[in-house]
Amino acid sequence: MIIPIKEEQDNLRPLHERLTAALEPLTKPGASPSLGDYEIVLVDDGSRDQSMNVLREIAAADRRVKVVRLRRNYGQTPALKAGIDHASGDLIATMDGDGQNDPRDIVKLLAKLAAPGTKGPALVGGVRTDRQAEGSKRWASRWANWIRDAVLKDQCPDTGCGIKV
C-alpha cells in the first residue's frame, strides 16, 4: 500500500486505523481475497506541518509501516514513484492520504484483479462517485478524462482516482 502524504497531520492516525481494519482480515487463512502479509508505505511529500512526526509515531508502533520523506514538495506522481521504489511487495496498491478514499474499497479492487499468470485485469482502479473537490478541479478532471478517452479509447472513466491495485 503506497500513500502520498502532504500536510495531513490530522488525518494520519484515522487513516492508519481504517487501513489496518480493512487489510488485517485479508491476512487470515482462508480470506478471500487473500493478501498474506502487507506493508504500508507512507510518503511525506514535503509537508510543513507535523505530518512527519505523526508518521514516525505510527511507524514506531506498527512494523508494517515504512515512512519515506521527500525533502520538498515534488507532487503526487514523484511521491508515488518514491513509494514504489521503497516497496518490497509484488502487488502494489495506491490511494490518496486525504481521507477521500475508503480503504475497504481495496478489498473490492483486489477481488477483481486477475491472479498472476492468468487472463484478466492486471490493474484495477477506483472511480470517484462522491468527489469532494472544487468545481474547477472537477471540470479539469472531466476534461482530462474526455481527452484521454478520445486518444486511447480504453473506456477508463476516471484515471485520476487515487485508489488502484
Protein backbone atom coordinates (compact mmCIF):
# COMPACT_ATOMS: atom_id res chain seq x y z
CA MET A 1 0.00 0.00 0.00
CA ILE A 2 1.52 3.30 -1.07
CA ILE A 3 0.07 6.59 0.08
CA PRO A 4 1.46 10.05 -0.68
CA ILE A 5 1.00 12.46 2.22
CA LYS A 6 1.02 16.26 2.05
CA GLU A 7 0.17 18.13 5.25
CA GLU A 8 -2.32 15.59 6.57
CA GLN A 9 -1.31 15.52 10.26
CA ASP A 10 -4.90 15.27 11.50
CA ASN A 11 -5.88 12.53 9.03
CA LEU A 12 -2.94 10.17 9.56
CA ARG A 13 -3.95 8.25 12.67
CA PRO A 14 -7.55 7.70 11.49
CA LEU A 15 -6.19 6.71 8.05
CA HIS A 16 -3.87 4.13 9.61
CA GLU A 17 -6.68 2.72 11.75
CA ARG A 18 -9.03 2.42 8.76
CA LEU A 19 -6.28 0.87 6.62
CA THR A 20 -5.38 -1.81 9.14
CA ALA A 21 -9.05 -2.55 9.80
CA ALA A 22 -9.55 -3.13 6.06
CA LEU A 23 -6.33 -5.05 5.37
CA GLU A 24 -5.89 -7.16 8.50
CA PRO A 25 -8.78 -9.55 7.73
CA LEU A 26 -7.13 -10.30 4.37
CA THR A 27 -4.10 -11.76 6.16
CA LYS A 28 -6.11 -14.52 7.87
CA PRO A 29 -6.05 -18.08 6.47
CA GLY A 30 -8.95 -18.63 4.09
CA ALA A 31 -9.53 -14.91 3.49
CA SER A 32 -10.96 -14.03 0.12
CA PRO A 33 -9.25 -12.25 -1.43
CA SER A 34 -6.11 -13.36 0.40
CA LEU A 35 -3.40 -10.78 0.91
CA GLY A 36 -0.93 -12.51 3.18
CA ASP A 37 1.36 -10.03 4.87
CA TYR A 38 1.36 -6.43 3.73
CA GLU A 39 3.22 -3.17 4.17
CA ILE A 40 2.08 0.43 4.17
CA VAL A 41 4.49 2.91 2.60
CA LEU A 42 3.61 6.45 3.61
CA VAL A 43 5.44 9.10 1.57
CA ASP A 44 5.67 12.56 3.10
CA ASP A 45 5.74 14.89 0.09
CA GLY A 46 7.40 17.87 1.77
CA SER A 47 4.81 18.54 4.46
CA ARG A 48 5.44 21.63 6.59
CA ASP A 49 3.01 20.67 9.36
CA GLN A 50 3.51 17.89 11.94
CA SER A 51 2.76 15.08 9.47
CA MET A 52 6.30 13.69 9.60
CA ASN A 53 6.26 13.44 13.38
CA VAL A 54 2.91 11.64 13.31
CA LEU A 55 4.19 9.30 10.58
CA ARG A 56 7.23 8.41 12.70
CA GLU A 57 4.98 7.62 15.68
CA ILE A 58 2.77 5.39 13.55
CA ALA A 59 5.80 3.57 12.09
CA ALA A 60 7.27 3.05 15.56
CA ALA A 61 4.04 1.37 16.68
CA ASP A 62 3.42 -0.72 13.52
CA ARG A 63 6.24 -2.77 11.95
CA ARG A 64 4.31 -2.90 8.65
CA VAL A 65 4.62 0.87 8.15
CA LYS A 66 7.53 2.38 6.21
CA VAL A 67 7.95 6.13 6.01
CA VAL A 68 9.67 7.89 3.12
CA ARG A 69 10.37 11.60 3.40
CA LEU A 70 10.90 13.82 0.39
CA ARG A 71 12.99 16.96 1.01
CA ARG A 72 10.38 19.21 -0.55
CA ASN A 73 7.03 19.00 -2.29
CA TYR A 74 7.59 17.21 -5.59
CA GLY A 75 3.97 16.33 -6.28
CA GLN A 76 1.81 13.24 -6.22
CA THR A 77 3.41 11.30 -9.09
CA PRO A 78 7.01 11.59 -7.80
CA ALA A 79 5.75 10.73 -4.30
CA LEU A 80 4.07 7.58 -5.64
CA LYS A 81 7.26 6.68 -7.54
CA ALA A 82 9.32 7.09 -4.36
CA GLY A 83 6.87 4.81 -2.54
CA ILE A 84 7.08 2.20 -5.29
CA ASP A 85 10.89 2.36 -5.13
CA HIS A 86 10.75 1.62 -1.38
CA ALA A 87 8.07 -1.07 -1.55
CA SER A 88 9.08 -4.70 -1.16
CA GLY A 89 5.88 -6.48 -2.18
CA ASP A 90 4.88 -7.95 -5.52
CA LEU A 91 1.46 -6.29 -5.51
CA ILE A 92 1.10 -2.50 -5.35
CA ALA A 93 -1.98 -0.64 -4.16
CA THR A 94 -2.22 3.14 -4.02
CA MET A 95 -4.62 5.61 -2.51
CA ASP A 96 -4.70 9.25 -1.52
CA GLY A 97 -3.94 10.26 2.06
CA ASP A 98 -6.61 12.93 2.37
CA GLY A 99 -9.38 10.62 3.56
CA GLN A 100 -11.42 10.72 0.35
CA ASN A 101 -10.65 7.05 -0.44
CA ASP A 102 -12.20 4.30 1.65
CA PRO A 103 -9.59 1.61 2.41
CA ARG A 104 -12.35 -1.01 2.31
CA ASP A 105 -12.51 -0.41 -1.44
CA ILE A 106 -9.07 -2.02 -1.72
CA VAL A 107 -10.72 -5.36 -0.93
CA LYS A 108 -13.20 -4.84 -3.77
CA LEU A 109 -10.41 -3.97 -6.20
CA LEU A 110 -8.30 -6.95 -5.14
CA ALA A 111 -11.26 -9.25 -5.83
CA LYS A 112 -11.38 -8.02 -9.45
CA LEU A 113 -7.65 -8.38 -10.07
CA ALA A 114 -6.53 -11.42 -12.07
CA ALA A 115 -4.10 -13.81 -10.43
CA PRO A 116 -0.53 -13.57 -11.80
CA GLY A 117 -0.14 -15.60 -14.98
CA THR A 118 -3.87 -15.73 -15.72
CA LYS A 119 -6.05 -13.75 -18.10
CA GLY A 120 -7.87 -10.78 -16.71
CA PRO A 121 -7.17 -7.33 -15.31
CA ALA A 122 -3.62 -6.62 -14.17
CA LEU A 123 -4.63 -3.14 -12.97
CA VAL A 124 -7.89 -2.19 -11.30
CA GLY A 125 -8.72 1.41 -10.45
CA GLY A 126 -11.43 3.11 -8.48
CA VAL A 127 -13.94 5.63 -9.78
CA ARG A 128 -14.83 8.69 -7.71
CA THR A 129 -18.57 8.93 -7.17
CA ASP A 130 -18.81 11.45 -4.33
CA ARG A 131 -15.82 13.63 -5.08
CA GLN A 132 -15.14 16.42 -2.62
CA ALA A 133 -13.37 18.91 -4.86
CA GLU A 134 -13.92 22.42 -6.10
CA GLY A 135 -15.83 22.98 -9.32
CA SER A 136 -12.69 23.93 -11.26
CA LYS A 137 -10.94 20.69 -10.27
CA ARG A 138 -13.98 18.67 -11.25
CA TRP A 139 -14.20 20.42 -14.60
CA ALA A 140 -10.48 19.95 -15.28
CA SER A 141 -10.73 16.26 -14.36
CA ARG A 142 -13.70 15.70 -16.66
CA TRP A 143 -11.94 17.49 -19.50
CA ALA A 144 -8.72 15.49 -19.00
CA ASN A 145 -10.63 12.20 -18.86
CA TRP A 146 -12.52 13.12 -22.05
CA ILE A 147 -9.26 13.91 -23.91
CA ARG A 148 -7.60 10.76 -22.62
CA ASP A 149 -10.57 8.63 -23.66
CA ALA A 150 -10.66 10.27 -27.11
CA VAL A 151 -7.00 9.38 -27.65
CA LEU A 152 -6.74 5.94 -26.00
CA LYS A 153 -10.32 4.72 -26.38
CA ASP A 154 -9.86 2.38 -23.41
CA GLN A 155 -13.13 3.31 -21.69
CA CYS A 156 -11.42 4.14 -18.38
CA PRO A 157 -13.87 6.53 -16.69
CA ASP A 158 -11.59 8.09 -14.06
CA THR A 159 -7.80 7.81 -14.31
CA GLY A 160 -7.36 10.49 -11.65
CA CYS A 161 -8.85 8.41 -8.85
CA GLY A 162 -6.02 7.66 -6.42
CA ILE A 163 -7.14 4.20 -5.34
CA LYS A 164 -5.68 1.50 -7.58
CA VAL A 165 -4.33 -2.06 -7.31
